[in-house]
């Protein structure tokens, strides 16, 4: 488990990512608020979970943190450097320390490149001089590190299984010796049995290399297993942030409770007796987000205050924060 006195590696403050559209309503340009003013911090050696339904903005937030896309507003402070503000040419000096593992282990790999070629490209991009033997030795080391045999160096992505391709994607990220890795739903495209293997691999690598993860997912059971802290997102906002042990025991936001009620369980009696929380209505369009609390059109506890005032993320317990007027 993460130590409480661990040093902060990344701090996100008021991050916003807006996308302008060509649509106009009453003469005003419509803007998609993909990420709408979120804040959190990540400590060294921590796994920070970011969960929510598809379209809630969690992947956009991850890409904005890495400057794959440019934030509209806010600060992303990494080891004292606000990478949301500095020019792109200055980010290149620390880019190798910030890596991304993609959701689809097939489309994220070049089908025309062999395993060795994919790893070599990541190894030599630091512009240092590497001999052929050093590159081969490093590639073999990376493959062993992620549980693949070096003899697979000559294979191409289509000759590998889904789990093997995801291991290769992890090896490619590790080739840059990163400190922070954003994992964008890295197990959602894999079989359940393979998911467990990849999750265990992430934990082993974290202990061995001292890595820090931002783990993006929609599966609460998976995130609960690997994350130290979890932030739940809805329509571009963080509605609840807590330690992972609090997720199933003491969640307070109505949206989090609804998500938890949908998590399947293998216990027959628990499944039979538990009450499923069914939310009414559809998720509002990000083109026209509701005034006040973004969740109020579907919330069973919504009051008149919820329709007018957007709740702030406030402390509701030890290391527990909730954005709700009526938790």
C-alpha atoms as a PDB file:
ATOM      1  CA  UNK A   1       0.000   0.000   0.000  1.00  0.00           C
ATOM      2  CA  UNK A   2       1.043   3.612  -0.578  1.00  0.00           C
ATOM      3  CA  UNK A   3       2.626   5.490   2.306  1.00  0.00           C
ATOM      4  CA  UNK A   4       0.658   8.503   3.560  1.00  0.00           C
ATOM      5  CA  UNK A   5       3.738  10.735   3.556  1.00  0.00           C
ATOM      6  CA  UNK A   6       4.618   9.995  -0.079  1.00  0.00           C
ATOM      7  CA  UNK A   7       5.699  12.975  -2.160  1.00  0.00           C
ATOM      8  CA  UNK A   8       3.227  14.457  -4.678  1.00  0.00           C
ATOM      9  CA  UNK A   9       4.280  13.703  -8.251  1.00  0.00           C
ATOM     10  CA  UNK A  10       1.403  15.309 -10.176  1.00  0.00           C
ATOM     11  CA  UNK A  11      -1.136  17.967  -9.243  1.00  0.00           C
ATOM     12  CA  UNK A  12      -4.091  18.838 -11.458  1.00  0.00           C
ATOM     13  CA  UNK A  13      -5.849  22.143 -10.694  1.00  0.00           C
ATOM     14  CA  UNK A  14      -9.023  23.372 -12.394  1.00  0.00           C
ATOM     15  CA  UNK A  15      -8.441  21.387 -15.575  1.00  0.00           C
ATOM     16  CA  UNK A  16     -10.853  22.208 -18.395  1.00  0.00           C
ATOM     17  CA  UNK A  17     -10.974  20.803 -21.917  1.00  0.00           C
ATOM     18  CA  UNK A  18     -13.573  22.434 -24.156  1.00  0.00           C
ATOM     19  CA  UNK A  19     -14.192  21.694 -27.836  1.00  0.00           C
ATOM     20  CA  UNK A  20     -15.937  24.382 -29.926  1.00  0.00           C
ATOM     21  CA  UNK A  21     -18.506  23.207 -32.493  1.00  0.00           C
ATOM     22  CA  UNK A  22     -20.067  24.764 -35.571  1.00  0.00           C
ATOM     23  CA  UNK A  23     -23.512  24.701 -33.937  1.00  0.00           C
ATOM     24  CA  UNK A  24     -25.120  27.878 -32.634  1.00  0.00           C
ATOM     25  CA  UNK A  25     -28.065  28.252 -30.249  1.00  0.00           C
ATOM     26  CA  UNK A  26     -29.604  31.730 -29.909  1.00  0.00           C
ATOM     27  CA  UNK A  27     -26.593  33.128 -31.718  1.00  0.00           C
ATOM     28  CA  UNK A  28     -24.074  31.610 -29.287  1.00  0.00           C
ATOM     29  CA  UNK A  29     -21.541  29.004 -30.316  1.00  0.00           C
ATOM     30  CA  UNK A  30     -22.115  25.610 -28.707  1.00  0.00           C
ATOM     31  CA  UNK A  31     -19.115  24.262 -26.791  1.00  0.00           C
ATOM     32  CA  UNK A  32     -18.613  20.650 -25.688  1.00  0.00           C
ATOM     33  CA  UNK A  33     -17.325  20.689 -22.113  1.00  0.00           C
ATOM     34  CA  UNK A  34     -15.508  17.342 -22.153  1.00  0.00           C
ATOM     35  CA  UNK A  35     -13.652  18.085 -18.909  1.00  0.00           C
ATOM     36  CA  UNK A  36     -15.127  20.809 -16.743  1.00  0.00           C
ATOM     37  CA  UNK A  37     -12.919  22.049 -13.902  1.00  0.00           C
ATOM     38  CA  UNK A  38     -11.465  18.973 -12.211  1.00  0.00           C
ATOM     39  CA  UNK A  39      -8.728  18.922  -9.556  1.00  0.00           C
ATOM     40  CA  UNK A  40      -6.778  16.114  -7.896  1.00  0.00           C
ATOM     41  CA  UNK A  41      -3.234  15.099  -6.989  1.00  0.00           C
ATOM     42  CA  UNK A  42      -1.253  11.898  -7.494  1.00  0.00           C
ATOM     43  CA  UNK A  43       1.538  10.787  -5.161  1.00  0.00           C
ATOM     44  CA  UNK A  44       4.704   8.955  -6.158  1.00  0.00           C
ATOM     45  CA  UNK A  45       4.140   5.213  -6.297  1.00  0.00           C
ATOM     46  CA  UNK A  46       0.347   5.597  -6.199  1.00  0.00           C
ATOM     47  CA  UNK A  47      -2.285   4.149  -8.491  1.00  0.00           C
ATOM     48  CA  UNK A  48      -5.006   6.769  -8.979  1.00  0.00           C
ATOM     49  CA  UNK A  49      -8.225   5.405 -10.471  1.00  0.00           C
ATOM     50  CA  UNK A  50     -10.416   7.508 -12.763  1.00  0.00           C
ATOM     51  CA  UNK A  51     -13.782   5.849 -13.427  1.00  0.00           C
ATOM     52  CA  UNK A  52     -17.111   6.646 -15.019  1.00  0.00           C
ATOM     53  CA  UNK A  53     -19.443   5.843 -17.905  1.00  0.00           C
ATOM     54  CA  UNK A  54     -18.355   6.133 -21.531  1.00  0.00           C
ATOM     55  CA  UNK A  55     -18.285   9.789 -22.550  1.00  0.00           C
ATOM     56  CA  UNK A  56     -17.730  11.175 -19.039  1.00  0.00           C
ATOM     57  CA  UNK A  57     -14.376  12.731 -20.030  1.00  0.00           C
ATOM     58  CA  UNK A  58     -11.933  10.431 -18.248  1.00  0.00           C
ATOM     59  CA  UNK A  59      -9.866   9.600 -21.362  1.00  0.00           C
ATOM     60  CA  UNK A  60      -9.849  13.255 -22.424  1.00  0.00           C
ATOM     61  CA  UNK A  61      -8.564  14.185 -18.967  1.00  0.00           C
ATOM     62  CA  UNK A  62      -5.768  11.627 -19.257  1.00  0.00           C
ATOM     63  CA  UNK A  63      -4.705  12.911 -22.663  1.00  0.00           C
ATOM     64  CA  UNK A  64      -4.815  16.523 -21.482  1.00  0.00           C
ATOM     65  CA  UNK A  65      -2.548  15.668 -18.539  1.00  0.00           C
ATOM     66  CA  UNK A  66       0.025  14.287 -20.989  1.00  0.00           C
ATOM     67  CA  UNK A  67      -0.523  17.184 -23.418  1.00  0.00           C
ATOM     68  CA  UNK A  68      -1.612  14.808 -26.163  1.00  0.00           C
ATOM     69  CA  UNK A  69      -4.380  17.400 -26.439  1.00  0.00           C
ATOM     70  CA  UNK A  70      -4.062  20.938 -25.122  1.00  0.00           C
ATOM     71  CA  UNK A  71      -6.099  21.926 -22.042  1.00  0.00           C
ATOM     72  CA  UNK A  72      -8.419  24.913 -22.374  1.00  0.00           C
ATOM     73  CA  UNK A  73      -7.707  26.085 -18.814  1.00  0.00           C
ATOM     74  CA  UNK A  74      -6.076  24.841 -15.646  1.00  0.00           C
ATOM     75  CA  UNK A  75      -2.728  23.655 -14.356  1.00  0.00           C
ATOM     76  CA  UNK A  76      -0.997  20.292 -14.622  1.00  0.00           C
ATOM     77  CA  UNK A  77       2.016  20.486 -12.322  1.00  0.00           C
ATOM     78  CA  UNK A  78       4.490  17.628 -12.752  1.00  0.00           C
ATOM     79  CA  UNK A  79       7.543  17.774 -10.469  1.00  0.00           C
ATOM     80  CA  UNK A  80       7.272  21.554 -10.274  1.00  0.00           C
ATOM     81  CA  UNK A  81       6.702  22.084 -14.019  1.00  0.00           C
ATOM     82  CA  UNK A  82       3.286  23.278 -15.194  1.00  0.00           C
ATOM     83  CA  UNK A  83       3.177  21.230 -18.391  1.00  0.00           C
ATOM     84  CA  UNK A  84      -0.229  22.691 -19.287  1.00  0.00           C
ATOM     85  CA  UNK A  85       1.354  26.101 -19.869  1.00  0.00           C
ATOM     86  CA  UNK A  86       4.870  25.544 -21.221  1.00  0.00           C
ATOM     87  CA  UNK A  87       5.553  25.440 -25.003  1.00  0.00           C
ATOM     88  CA  UNK A  88       5.586  22.010 -26.620  1.00  0.00           C
ATOM     89  CA  UNK A  89       9.331  22.203 -27.313  1.00  0.00           C
ATOM     90  CA  UNK A  90       9.996  22.364 -23.569  1.00  0.00           C
ATOM     91  CA  UNK A  91       7.722  19.404 -22.844  1.00  0.00           C
ATOM     92  CA  UNK A  92       9.862  17.178 -25.066  1.00  0.00           C
ATOM     93  CA  UNK A  93      12.600  17.151 -22.432  1.00  0.00           C
ATOM     94  CA  UNK A  94      10.282  15.372 -19.937  1.00  0.00           C
ATOM     95  CA  UNK A  95       7.974  13.554 -22.340  1.00  0.00           C
ATOM     96  CA  UNK A  96       9.753  10.212 -21.916  1.00  0.00           C
ATOM     97  CA  UNK A  97       8.844  10.309 -18.219  1.00  0.00           C
ATOM     98  CA  UNK A  98       5.113  10.504 -19.052  1.00  0.00           C
ATOM     99  CA  UNK A  99       3.754   7.568 -21.027  1.00  0.00           C
ATOM    100  CA  UNK A 100       0.378   6.278 -22.221  1.00  0.00           C
ATOM    101  CA  UNK A 101      -0.893   2.705 -22.524  1.00  0.00           C
ATOM    102  CA  UNK A 102      -3.809   2.467 -24.931  1.00  0.00           C
ATOM    103  CA  UNK A 103      -7.143   0.680 -24.664  1.00  0.00           C
ATOM    104  CA  UNK A 104      -6.896  -1.359 -27.861  1.00  0.00           C
ATOM    105  CA  UNK A 105      -3.683  -3.427 -27.904  1.00  0.00           C
ATOM    106  CA  UNK A 106      -4.008  -4.068 -31.644  1.00  0.00           C
ATOM    107  CA  UNK A 107      -4.789  -0.713 -33.256  1.00  0.00           C
ATOM    108  CA  UNK A 108      -2.154   1.009 -31.076  1.00  0.00           C
ATOM    109  CA  UNK A 109       0.617  -1.106 -32.642  1.00  0.00           C
ATOM    110  CA  UNK A 110       1.951  -0.666 -36.189  1.00  0.00           C
ATOM    111  CA  UNK A 111       1.073  -3.921 -38.027  1.00  0.00           C
ATOM    112  CA  UNK A 112       4.035  -3.418 -40.397  1.00  0.00           C
ATOM    113  CA  UNK A 113       6.583  -3.386 -37.580  1.00  0.00           C
ATOM    114  CA  UNK A 114       7.981  -6.411 -35.783  1.00  0.00           C
ATOM    115  CA  UNK A 115       8.118  -6.608 -31.994  1.00  0.00           C
ATOM    116  CA  UNK A 116      11.803  -5.715 -32.060  1.00  0.00           C
ATOM    117  CA  UNK A 117      11.218  -2.749 -34.386  1.00  0.00           C
ATOM    118  CA  UNK A 118       8.447  -1.393 -32.127  1.00  0.00           C
ATOM    119  CA  UNK A 119      10.672  -1.574 -29.055  1.00  0.00           C
ATOM    120  CA  UNK A 120      13.756  -0.255 -30.870  1.00  0.00           C
ATOM    121  CA  UNK A 121      11.824   2.843 -31.955  1.00  0.00           C
ATOM    122  CA  UNK A 122      11.033   3.655 -28.290  1.00  0.00           C
ATOM    123  CA  UNK A 123      14.548   2.806 -27.075  1.00  0.00           C
ATOM    124  CA  UNK A 124      16.477   5.040 -29.511  1.00  0.00           C
ATOM    125  CA  UNK A 125      14.123   8.045 -29.477  1.00  0.00           C
ATOM    126  CA  UNK A 126      16.165   9.599 -26.649  1.00  0.00           C
ATOM    127  CA  UNK A 127      18.664  10.581 -29.400  1.00  0.00           C
ATOM    128  CA  UNK A 128      21.552   8.978 -27.558  1.00  0.00           C
ATOM    129  CA  UNK A 129      23.977   6.659 -29.323  1.00  0.00           C
ATOM    130  CA  UNK A 130      23.077   2.991 -28.908  1.00  0.00           C
ATOM    131  CA  UNK A 131      24.993   0.058 -30.333  1.00  0.00           C
ATOM    132  CA  UNK A 132      23.103  -2.801 -31.964  1.00  0.00           C
ATOM    133  CA  UNK A 133      23.996  -5.112 -29.095  1.00  0.00           C
ATOM    134  CA  UNK A 134      22.740  -2.592 -26.506  1.00  0.00           C
ATOM    135  CA  UNK A 135      19.415  -2.213 -28.329  1.00  0.00           C
ATOM    136  CA  UNK A 136      18.974  -5.991 -28.606  1.00  0.00           C
ATOM    137  CA  UNK A 137      19.861  -6.473 -24.944  1.00  0.00           C
ATOM    138  CA  UNK A 138      17.427  -3.770 -23.841  1.00  0.00           C
ATOM    139  CA  UNK A 139      14.621  -5.157 -26.035  1.00  0.00           C
ATOM    140  CA  UNK A 140      15.105  -8.660 -24.600  1.00  0.00           C
ATOM    141  CA  UNK A 141      15.124  -7.219 -21.073  1.00  0.00           C
ATOM    142  CA  UNK A 142      11.829  -5.410 -21.685  1.00  0.00           C
ATOM    143  CA  UNK A 143      10.162  -8.514 -23.091  1.00  0.00           C
ATOM    144  CA  UNK A 144      11.202 -10.574 -20.076  1.00  0.00           C
ATOM    145  CA  UNK A 145      10.002  -7.810 -17.780  1.00  0.00           C
ATOM    146  CA  UNK A 146       6.450  -8.055 -19.127  1.00  0.00           C
ATOM    147  CA  UNK A 147       6.393 -11.846 -19.269  1.00  0.00           C
ATOM    148  CA  UNK A 148       7.200 -12.399 -22.955  1.00  0.00           C
ATOM    149  CA  UNK A 149       9.989 -14.588 -24.354  1.00  0.00           C
ATOM    150  CA  UNK A 150      12.731 -12.762 -26.331  1.00  0.00           C
ATOM    151  CA  UNK A 151      12.274 -15.232 -29.223  1.00  0.00           C
ATOM    152  CA  UNK A 152       9.058 -13.293 -30.035  1.00  0.00           C
ATOM    153  CA  UNK A 153      11.142 -10.323 -31.268  1.00  0.00           C
ATOM    154  CA  UNK A 154      10.626 -11.358 -34.896  1.00  0.00           C
ATOM    155  CA  UNK A 155       6.849 -11.652 -34.622  1.00  0.00           C
ATOM    156  CA  UNK A 156       4.311  -9.086 -35.843  1.00  0.00           C
ATOM    157  CA  UNK A 157       1.275  -7.890 -33.860  1.00  0.00           C
ATOM    158  CA  UNK A 158      -1.174 -10.038 -35.855  1.00  0.00           C
ATOM    159  CA  UNK A 159       0.782 -13.141 -34.810  1.00  0.00           C
ATOM    160  CA  UNK A 160       0.205 -12.433 -31.106  1.00  0.00           C
ATOM    161  CA  UNK A 161      -2.804 -12.891 -28.821  1.00  0.00           C
ATOM    162  CA  UNK A 162      -4.616  -9.930 -27.261  1.00  0.00           C
ATOM    163  CA  UNK A 163      -2.856 -10.390 -23.929  1.00  0.00           C
ATOM    164  CA  UNK A 164       0.553 -10.638 -25.614  1.00  0.00           C
ATOM    165  CA  UNK A 165      -0.125  -7.467 -27.617  1.00  0.00           C
ATOM    166  CA  UNK A 166      -1.054  -5.579 -24.462  1.00  0.00           C
ATOM    167  CA  UNK A 167       2.147  -6.809 -22.797  1.00  0.00           C
ATOM    168  CA  UNK A 168       4.046  -5.466 -25.796  1.00  0.00           C
ATOM    169  CA  UNK A 169       2.286  -2.106 -25.396  1.00  0.00           C
ATOM    170  CA  UNK A 170       3.380  -2.044 -21.751  1.00  0.00           C
ATOM    171  CA  UNK A 171       6.956  -2.929 -22.745  1.00  0.00           C
ATOM    172  CA  UNK A 172       6.974  -0.080 -25.273  1.00  0.00           C
ATOM    173  CA  UNK A 173       5.938   2.385 -22.555  1.00  0.00           C
ATOM    174  CA  UNK A 174       8.593   1.023 -20.169  1.00  0.00           C
ATOM    175  CA  UNK A 175      11.289   1.455 -22.828  1.00  0.00           C
ATOM    176  CA  UNK A 176      11.248   5.173 -22.052  1.00  0.00           C
ATOM    177  CA  UNK A 177      11.913   4.637 -18.316  1.00  0.00           C
ATOM    178  CA  UNK A 178       8.748   6.555 -17.303  1.00  0.00           C
ATOM    179  CA  UNK A 179       7.781   7.796 -13.865  1.00  0.00           C
ATOM    180  CA  UNK A 180       4.071   8.274 -14.622  1.00  0.00           C
ATOM    181  CA  UNK A 181       1.951   6.062 -16.880  1.00  0.00           C
ATOM    182  CA  UNK A 182      -1.627   6.885 -17.886  1.00  0.00           C
ATOM    183  CA  UNK A 183      -3.382   3.551 -18.466  1.00  0.00           C
ATOM    184  CA  UNK A 184      -6.414   4.178 -20.687  1.00  0.00           C
ATOM    185  CA  UNK A 185      -8.732   1.203 -20.039  1.00  0.00           C
ATOM    186  CA  UNK A 186      -5.832  -1.212 -20.666  1.00  0.00           C
ATOM    187  CA  UNK A 187      -7.801  -4.389 -19.873  1.00  0.00           C
ATOM    188  CA  UNK A 188     -11.295  -3.632 -21.200  1.00  0.00           C
ATOM    189  CA  UNK A 189     -10.599  -5.265 -24.604  1.00  0.00           C
ATOM    190  CA  UNK A 190      -9.239  -8.481 -23.049  1.00  0.00           C
ATOM    191  CA  UNK A 191     -10.823 -11.706 -21.809  1.00  0.00           C
ATOM    192  CA  UNK A 192     -11.555 -11.827 -18.071  1.00  0.00           C
ATOM    193  CA  UNK A 193      -8.821 -14.393 -17.359  1.00  0.00           C
ATOM    194  CA  UNK A 194      -6.279 -12.299 -19.279  1.00  0.00           C
ATOM    195  CA  UNK A 195      -7.453  -9.145 -17.462  1.00  0.00           C
ATOM    196  CA  UNK A 196      -6.355 -10.649 -14.145  1.00  0.00           C
ATOM    197  CA  UNK A 197      -2.905 -11.456 -15.567  1.00  0.00           C
ATOM    198  CA  UNK A 198      -2.402  -7.918 -16.868  1.00  0.00           C
ATOM    199  CA  UNK A 199      -3.605  -6.349 -13.596  1.00  0.00           C
ATOM    200  CA  UNK A 200      -1.138  -8.527 -11.672  1.00  0.00           C
ATOM    201  CA  UNK A 201       1.598  -7.497 -14.118  1.00  0.00           C
ATOM    202  CA  UNK A 202       0.857  -3.797 -13.459  1.00  0.00           C
ATOM    203  CA  UNK A 203       1.182  -4.382  -9.720  1.00  0.00           C
ATOM    204  CA  UNK A 204       4.447  -6.327 -10.091  1.00  0.00           C
ATOM    205  CA  UNK A 205       5.980  -3.629 -12.296  1.00  0.00           C
ATOM    206  CA  UNK A 206       4.920  -0.905  -9.867  1.00  0.00           C
ATOM    207  CA  UNK A 207       6.671  -2.645  -6.971  1.00  0.00           C
ATOM    208  CA  UNK A 208       9.781  -3.419  -9.027  1.00  0.00           C
ATOM    209  CA  UNK A 209      10.187  -0.082 -10.844  1.00  0.00           C
ATOM    210  CA  UNK A 210       8.437   2.377  -8.495  1.00  0.00           C
ATOM    211  CA  UNK A 211       5.923   3.433 -11.139  1.00  0.00           C
ATOM    212  CA  UNK A 212       2.981   5.789 -10.666  1.00  0.00           C
ATOM    213  CA  UNK A 213      -0.284   5.077 -12.516  1.00  0.00           C
ATOM    214  CA  UNK A 214      -3.386   6.990 -13.493  1.00  0.00           C
ATOM    215  CA  UNK A 215      -5.689   4.048 -14.203  1.00  0.00           C
ATOM    216  CA  UNK A 216      -8.700   4.941 -16.365  1.00  0.00           C
ATOM    217  CA  UNK A 217     -11.559   2.429 -16.475  1.00  0.00           C
ATOM    218  CA  UNK A 218     -15.309   1.949 -16.325  1.00  0.00           C
ATOM    219  CA  UNK A 219     -15.154  -1.329 -14.376  1.00  0.00           C
ATOM    220  CA  UNK A 220     -15.335  -0.480 -10.668  1.00  0.00           C
ATOM    221  CA  UNK A 221     -14.339  -3.994  -9.607  1.00  0.00           C
ATOM    222  CA  UNK A 222     -11.083  -3.787 -11.586  1.00  0.00           C
ATOM    223  CA  UNK A 223     -10.223  -0.319 -10.336  1.00  0.00           C
ATOM    224  CA  UNK A 224     -10.991  -1.260  -6.741  1.00  0.00           C
ATOM    225  CA  UNK A 225      -8.467  -4.116  -7.005  1.00  0.00           C
ATOM    226  CA  UNK A 226      -5.542  -2.027  -8.273  1.00  0.00           C
ATOM    227  CA  UNK A 227      -6.149   1.599  -7.195  1.00  0.00           C
ATOM    228  CA  UNK A 228      -5.152   3.340  -3.953  1.00  0.00           C
ATOM    229  CA  UNK A 229      -7.611   6.201  -4.504  1.00  0.00           C
ATOM    230  CA  UNK A 230     -10.535   6.541  -6.901  1.00  0.00           C
ATOM    231  CA  UNK A 231     -12.214   9.540  -8.533  1.00  0.00           C
ATOM    232  CA  UNK A 232     -15.675   9.047 -10.061  1.00  0.00           C
ATOM    233  CA  UNK A 233     -16.485  11.260 -13.068  1.00  0.00           C
ATOM    234  CA  UNK A 234     -19.820  12.296 -14.556  1.00  0.00           C
ATOM    235  CA  UNK A 235     -20.265  14.651 -17.516  1.00  0.00           C
ATOM    236  CA  UNK A 236     -16.737  16.033 -17.234  1.00  0.00           C
ATOM    237  CA  UNK A 237     -16.881  16.558 -13.462  1.00  0.00           C
ATOM    238  CA  UNK A 238     -15.460  14.649 -10.500  1.00  0.00           C
ATOM    239  CA  UNK A 239     -18.461  13.856  -8.288  1.00  0.00           C
ATOM    240  CA  UNK A 240     -16.666  11.762  -5.634  1.00  0.00           C
ATOM    241  CA  UNK A 241     -13.063  11.087  -4.630  1.00  0.00           C
ATOM    242  CA  UNK A 242     -12.121   8.523  -1.980  1.00  0.00           C
ATOM    243  CA  UNK A 243      -9.727   5.774  -0.905  1.00  0.00           C
ATOM    244  CA  UNK A 244     -10.447   2.531  -2.754  1.00  0.00           C
ATOM    245  CA  UNK A 245     -11.378   0.769   0.503  1.00  0.00           C
ATOM    246  CA  UNK A 246     -14.197   3.323   0.932  1.00  0.00           C
ATOM    247  CA  UNK A 247     -15.698   2.658  -2.492  1.00  0.00           C
ATOM    248  CA  UNK A 248     -17.903  -0.324  -1.585  1.00  0.00           C
ATOM    249  CA  UNK A 249     -18.195   0.472   2.133  1.00  0.00           C
ATOM    250  CA  UNK A 250     -19.052   4.172   2.335  1.00  0.00           C
ATOM    251  CA  UNK A 251     -19.778   5.736  -1.054  1.00  0.00           C
ATOM    252  CA  UNK A 252     -21.943   8.846  -0.632  1.00  0.00           C
ATOM    253  CA  UNK A 253     -22.796  10.290  -4.044  1.00  0.00           C
ATOM    254  CA  UNK A 254     -26.044   8.961  -5.584  1.00  0.00           C
ATOM    255  CA  UNK A 255     -24.294   8.360  -8.918  1.00  0.00           C
ATOM    256  CA  UNK A 256     -21.527   6.272  -7.302  1.00  0.00           C
ATOM    257  CA  UNK A 257     -24.137   4.227  -5.449  1.00  0.00           C
ATOM    258  CA  UNK A 258     -25.989   3.582  -8.715  1.00  0.00           C
ATOM    259  CA  UNK A 259     -22.774   2.424 -10.399  1.00  0.00           C
ATOM    260  CA  UNK A 260     -21.983   0.088  -7.506  1.00  0.00           C
ATOM    261  CA  UNK A 261     -25.449  -1.453  -7.623  1.00  0.00           C
ATOM    262  CA  UNK A 262     -24.746  -2.558 -11.199  1.00  0.00           C
ATOM    263  CA  UNK A 263     -21.498  -4.384 -10.373  1.00  0.00           C
ATOM    264  CA  UNK A 264     -22.152  -8.153 -10.694  1.00  0.00           C
ATOM    265  CA  UNK A 265     -21.301 -10.523  -7.852  1.00  0.00           C
ATOM    266  CA  UNK A 266     -20.686 -14.277  -7.793  1.00  0.00           C
ATOM    267  CA  UNK A 267     -22.435 -14.663  -4.417  1.00  0.00           C
ATOM    268  CA  UNK A 268     -25.931 -15.999  -5.184  1.00  0.00           C
ATOM    269  CA  UNK A 269     -27.584 -14.793  -1.965  1.00  0.00           C
ATOM    270  CA  UNK A 270     -25.954 -11.380  -2.100  1.00  0.00           C
ATOM    271  CA  UNK A 271     -27.028 -10.959  -5.719  1.00  0.00           C
ATOM    272  CA  UNK A 272     -30.581 -12.109  -4.900  1.00  0.00           C
ATOM    273  CA  UNK A 273     -31.066  -9.790  -1.925  1.00  0.00           C
ATOM    274  CA  UNK A 274     -29.382  -6.621  -3.091  1.00  0.00           C
ATOM    275  CA  UNK A 275     -31.423  -3.751  -4.525  1.00  0.00           C
ATOM    276  CA  UNK A 276     -30.505  -2.395  -7.939  1.00  0.00           C
ATOM    277  CA  UNK A 277     -30.661   1.402  -8.279  1.00  0.00           C
ATOM    278  CA  UNK A 278     -32.125   2.224 -11.678  1.00  0.00           C
ATOM    279  CA  UNK A 279     -31.518   5.777 -12.861  1.00  0.00           C
ATOM    280  CA  UNK A 280     -34.321   7.388 -14.834  1.00  0.00           C
ATOM    281  CA  UNK A 281     -33.774   9.305 -18.036  1.00  0.00           C
ATOM    282  CA  UNK A 282     -30.768   9.531 -20.327  1.00  0.00           C
ATOM    283  CA  UNK A 283     -27.354  11.088 -19.774  1.00  0.00           C
ATOM    284  CA  UNK A 284     -27.638  14.763 -20.800  1.00  0.00           C
ATOM    285  CA  UNK A 285     -25.851  15.755 -23.992  1.00  0.00           C
ATOM    286  CA  UNK A 286     -22.426  17.348 -23.413  1.00  0.00           C
ATOM    287  CA  UNK A 287     -23.542  19.944 -25.973  1.00  0.00           C
ATOM    288  CA  UNK A 288     -26.063  21.286 -23.450  1.00  0.00           C
ATOM    289  CA  UNK A 289     -25.081  20.345 -19.922  1.00  0.00           C
ATOM    290  CA  UNK A 290     -27.756  21.081 -17.305  1.00  0.00           C
ATOM    291  CA  UNK A 291     -27.525  24.085 -15.017  1.00  0.00           C
ATOM    292  CA  UNK A 292     -26.545  23.395 -11.419  1.00  0.00           C
ATOM    293  CA  UNK A 293     -25.492  19.863 -10.527  1.00  0.00           C
ATOM    294  CA  UNK A 294     -24.814  17.925 -13.756  1.00  0.00           C
ATOM    295  CA  UNK A 295     -26.443  14.825 -12.241  1.00  0.00           C
ATOM    296  CA  UNK A 296     -29.667  16.414 -11.013  1.00  0.00           C
ATOM    297  CA  UNK A 297     -31.907  15.386 -14.006  1.00  0.00           C
ATOM    298  CA  UNK A 298     -31.376  11.719 -13.053  1.00  0.00           C
ATOM    299  CA  UNK A 299     -30.814  12.013  -9.303  1.00  0.00           C
ATOM    300  CA  UNK A 300     -33.485  10.599  -6.950  1.00  0.00           C
ATOM    301  CA  UNK A 301     -32.388  13.055  -4.225  1.00  0.00           C
ATOM    302  CA  UNK A 302     -32.416  16.213  -6.369  1.00  0.00           C
ATOM    303  CA  UNK A 303     -33.891  19.383  -4.824  1.00  0.00           C
ATOM    304  CA  UNK A 304     -34.402  22.919  -6.091  1.00  0.00           C
ATOM    305  CA  UNK A 305     -30.878  23.842  -4.919  1.00  0.00           C
ATOM    306  CA  UNK A 306     -29.405  21.108  -7.125  1.00  0.00           C
ATOM    307  CA  UNK A 307     -31.070  22.646 -10.169  1.00  0.00           C
ATOM    308  CA  UNK A 308     -29.536  26.075  -9.562  1.00  0.00           C
ATOM    309  CA  UNK A 309     -26.138  25.628  -7.863  1.00  0.00           C
ATOM    310  CA  UNK A 310     -23.298  23.370  -8.945  1.00  0.00           C
ATOM    311  CA  UNK A 311     -21.957  21.604  -5.821  1.00  0.00           C
ATOM    312  CA  UNK A 312     -18.280  21.895  -4.970  1.00  0.00           C
ATOM    313  CA  UNK A 313     -16.131  18.913  -4.115  1.00  0.00           C
ATOM    314  CA  UNK A 314     -16.033  19.149  -0.320  1.00  0.00           C
ATOM    315  CA  UNK A 315     -14.602  16.942   2.417  1.00  0.00           C
ATOM    316  CA  UNK A 316     -17.131  14.468   3.806  1.00  0.00           C
ATOM    317  CA  UNK A 317     -14.738  12.103   5.605  1.00  0.00           C
ATOM    318  CA  UNK A 318     -11.094  11.199   5.972  1.00  0.00           C
ATOM    319  CA  UNK A 319      -9.597  11.358   2.451  1.00  0.00           C
ATOM    320  CA  UNK A 320     -13.175  11.415   1.153  1.00  0.00           C
ATOM    321  CA  UNK A 321     -14.631  14.246  -0.971  1.00  0.00           C
ATOM    322  CA  UNK A 322     -18.122  14.485  -2.446  1.00  0.00           C
ATOM    323  CA  UNK A 323     -19.735  16.979  -4.823  1.00  0.00           C
ATOM    324  CA  UNK A 324     -23.356  16.738  -3.666  1.00  0.00           C
ATOM    325  CA  UNK A 325     -25.839  19.008  -1.879  1.00  0.00           C
ATOM    326  CA  UNK A 326     -27.619  15.977  -0.365  1.00  0.00           C
ATOM    327  CA  UNK A 327     -25.070  13.141   0.176  1.00  0.00           C
END
